[in-house]
Amino acid sequence: MCGILDTNCLSEVFGANRPEVGERFFDWFTTGSGRLIVGGELHREFLRGSRGFRKLALELQNAGRMRIISEKKVDTETDRLDKEGLCTSDDPHVIALARISGARLLYSNDKDLKKDFGTKGLIDKPRGKVYSTRDENGMLKRYQPNVHGRLLGNRTLCCP
């Protein structure tokens, strides 16, 4: 299964004081059945913004736990989405990455991006699902096995 991590959750996954939700996501792609998908602007943001990510990136890639999607492909799709004005969020590069890679799981706390990721016209077959530490009102959520665990165990959230 493939998942995308939004930059706004980097510290929750690669930081020193991860919440349990972030710890579970980290374990999912480092030792479990998941694979982290990065590429284009999102990959550049990770490299600029997270020392923890930079330390693990090569190890994750060599272990097959992280896949880097062609920067050119993601940037081209991002430009197309921008021109067509299809996204309400300011993260068309994340939607482009999902469309190019086939990843259908997103870890994000960005309200607009979560909405875009669930929009049938942007992400479909299968539809995108969001893993988050914040509810609709921005309140912090604890790890919920029936929600978070089910998402991490869903093997249909990555298309070829």
Protein backbone atom coordinates (compact mmCIF):
# COMPACT_ATOMS: atom_id res chain seq x y z
CA MET A 1 0.00 0.00 0.00
CA CYS A 2 1.16 3.53 -0.79
CA GLY A 3 0.76 6.72 1.22
CA ILE A 4 1.62 10.38 0.87
CA LEU A 5 2.63 12.57 3.79
CA ASP A 6 1.77 16.26 3.63
CA THR A 7 4.46 18.70 4.71
CA ASN A 8 2.23 20.01 7.52
CA CYS A 9 2.58 16.62 9.25
CA LEU A 10 6.33 16.10 8.79
CA SER A 11 7.14 16.67 12.46
CA GLU A 12 4.37 14.26 13.49
CA VAL A 13 6.10 11.49 11.54
CA PHE A 14 9.80 12.43 11.47
CA GLY A 15 10.02 14.59 14.61
CA ALA A 16 11.40 13.59 17.99
CA ASN A 17 8.08 13.86 19.86
CA ARG A 18 5.69 12.01 17.55
CA PRO A 19 2.07 11.62 18.65
CA GLU A 20 0.81 8.03 18.61
CA VAL A 21 -0.99 8.65 15.30
CA GLY A 22 2.29 9.79 13.72
CA GLU A 23 4.19 6.90 15.31
CA ARG A 24 1.76 4.39 13.79
CA PHE A 25 2.11 5.95 10.34
CA PHE A 26 5.92 5.93 10.67
CA ASP A 27 5.89 2.26 11.71
CA TRP A 28 3.53 1.43 8.85
CA PHE A 29 6.02 2.46 6.15
CA THR A 30 9.28 1.66 7.97
CA THR A 31 8.45 -1.83 9.24
CA GLY A 32 4.93 -2.62 8.06
CA SER A 33 3.23 -3.09 4.72
CA GLY A 34 3.27 0.56 3.64
CA ARG A 35 5.42 2.57 1.31
CA LEU A 36 5.92 6.34 1.46
CA ILE A 37 5.49 8.11 -1.88
CA VAL A 38 7.29 11.40 -2.56
CA GLY A 39 8.04 13.42 -5.67
CA GLY A 40 8.12 16.86 -7.24
CA GLU A 41 7.54 19.85 -4.97
CA LEU A 42 6.59 17.65 -2.01
CA HIS A 43 9.97 15.89 -2.12
CA ARG A 44 11.75 19.25 -2.34
CA GLU A 45 9.75 20.52 0.67
CA PHE A 46 10.73 17.44 2.67
CA LEU A 47 14.41 17.87 1.88
CA ARG A 48 14.28 21.56 2.89
CA GLY A 49 12.14 21.11 5.95
CA SER A 50 12.98 17.90 7.79
CA ARG A 51 16.35 16.83 9.11
CA GLY A 52 14.74 13.57 10.25
CA PHE A 53 13.54 12.85 6.73
CA ARG A 54 16.93 13.69 5.19
CA LYS A 55 18.63 11.27 7.60
CA LEU A 56 16.32 8.38 6.69
CA ALA A 57 15.56 9.07 3.01
CA LEU A 58 18.32 7.00 1.42
CA GLU A 59 17.80 4.13 3.86
CA LEU A 60 14.05 4.09 3.18
CA GLN A 61 14.56 4.19 -0.57
CA ASN A 62 17.16 1.39 -0.52
CA ALA A 63 14.86 -0.75 1.64
CA GLY A 64 11.95 -0.27 -0.78
CA ARG A 65 9.98 1.64 1.87
CA MET A 66 9.92 4.90 -0.08
CA ARG A 67 9.34 5.53 -3.76
CA ILE A 68 10.41 8.76 -5.43
CA ILE A 69 8.24 9.68 -8.40
CA SER A 70 9.80 11.56 -11.33
CA GLU A 71 10.02 15.25 -10.57
CA LYS A 72 9.24 16.13 -14.17
CA LYS A 73 6.05 14.02 -14.27
CA VAL A 74 4.73 15.44 -11.00
CA ASP A 75 5.61 19.03 -11.92
CA THR A 76 3.92 18.67 -15.34
CA GLU A 77 0.72 17.34 -13.74
CA THR A 78 0.88 20.11 -11.10
CA ASP A 79 1.07 22.75 -13.85
CA ARG A 80 -1.93 21.17 -15.58
CA LEU A 81 -3.98 21.20 -12.37
CA ASP A 82 -2.99 24.84 -11.76
CA LYS A 83 -4.02 25.90 -15.26
CA GLU A 84 -7.36 24.11 -15.01
CA GLY A 85 -8.05 25.50 -11.52
CA LEU A 86 -9.30 22.13 -10.28
CA CYS A 87 -7.93 22.34 -6.72
CA THR A 88 -9.34 24.48 -3.93
CA SER A 89 -6.23 23.94 -1.79
CA ASP A 90 -2.82 25.48 -2.39
CA ASP A 91 -1.34 21.97 -2.76
CA PRO A 92 -1.96 20.85 -6.34
CA HIS A 93 1.47 19.18 -6.22
CA VAL A 94 0.10 16.69 -3.65
CA ILE A 95 -2.91 15.89 -5.84
CA ALA A 96 -0.60 15.57 -8.85
CA LEU A 97 1.62 13.14 -6.94
CA ALA A 98 -1.38 10.99 -6.02
CA ARG A 99 -2.64 10.97 -9.60
CA ILE A 100 0.77 10.04 -11.06
CA SER A 101 1.74 7.46 -8.39
CA GLY A 102 -1.62 5.84 -7.71
CA ALA A 103 -1.30 6.46 -3.96
CA ARG A 104 -4.72 6.91 -2.39
CA LEU A 105 -3.84 7.48 1.27
CA LEU A 106 -2.87 10.95 2.47
CA TYR A 107 -1.69 11.95 5.95
CA SER A 108 -2.60 15.62 6.28
CA ASN A 109 -4.18 18.14 8.63
CA ASP A 110 -4.85 20.70 5.87
CA LYS A 111 -8.62 21.14 5.66
CA ASP A 112 -8.67 22.26 2.00
CA LEU A 113 -6.23 19.56 0.88
CA LYS A 114 -8.28 16.90 2.68
CA LYS A 115 -11.33 18.13 0.76
CA ASP A 116 -9.47 18.03 -2.58
CA PHE A 117 -8.12 14.55 -1.86
CA GLY A 118 -11.65 13.26 -1.34
CA THR A 119 -13.04 14.91 -4.48
CA LYS A 120 -14.06 12.33 -7.09
CA GLY A 121 -13.07 14.60 -9.97
CA LEU A 122 -9.50 14.81 -8.66
CA ILE A 123 -8.81 11.41 -7.09
CA ASP A 124 -10.76 8.35 -8.16
CA LYS A 125 -10.53 4.59 -8.77
CA PRO A 126 -10.03 4.13 -5.90
CA ARG A 127 -11.09 7.29 -4.10
CA GLY A 128 -8.62 9.02 -1.81
CA LYS A 129 -8.72 8.54 1.96
CA VAL A 130 -7.23 10.87 4.57
CA TYR A 131 -5.32 9.88 7.70
CA SER A 132 -5.27 12.82 10.08
CA THR A 133 -4.59 13.93 13.63
CA ARG A 134 -7.16 16.73 13.45
CA ASP A 135 -10.93 16.58 13.15
CA GLU A 136 -13.07 18.91 11.02
CA ASN A 137 -12.90 21.61 13.73
CA GLY A 138 -9.11 21.44 14.01
CA MET A 139 -9.22 19.62 17.33
CA LEU A 140 -6.49 17.07 18.08
CA LYS A 141 -7.50 13.42 17.67
CA ARG A 142 -6.03 10.45 19.50
CA TYR A 143 -5.08 7.28 17.67
CA GLN A 144 -8.30 5.44 16.82
CA PRO A 145 -7.72 1.81 15.79
CA ASN A 146 -11.13 1.60 14.10
CA VAL A 147 -10.29 4.64 11.91
CA HIS A 148 -6.52 5.02 11.69
CA GLY A 149 -5.77 1.30 11.95
CA ARG A 150 -8.32 0.45 9.28
CA LEU A 151 -6.78 2.99 6.89
CA LEU A 152 -3.28 1.64 7.41
CA GLY A 153 -4.54 -1.91 6.87
CA ASN A 154 -6.49 -1.13 3.70
CA ARG A 155 -4.57 -2.68 0.80
CA THR A 156 -6.82 -1.17 -1.88
CA LEU A 157 -5.49 2.36 -1.45
CA CYS A 158 -2.78 2.08 -4.08
CA CYS A 159 -3.46 1.55 -7.73
CA PRO A 160 -0.79 0.27 -10.11
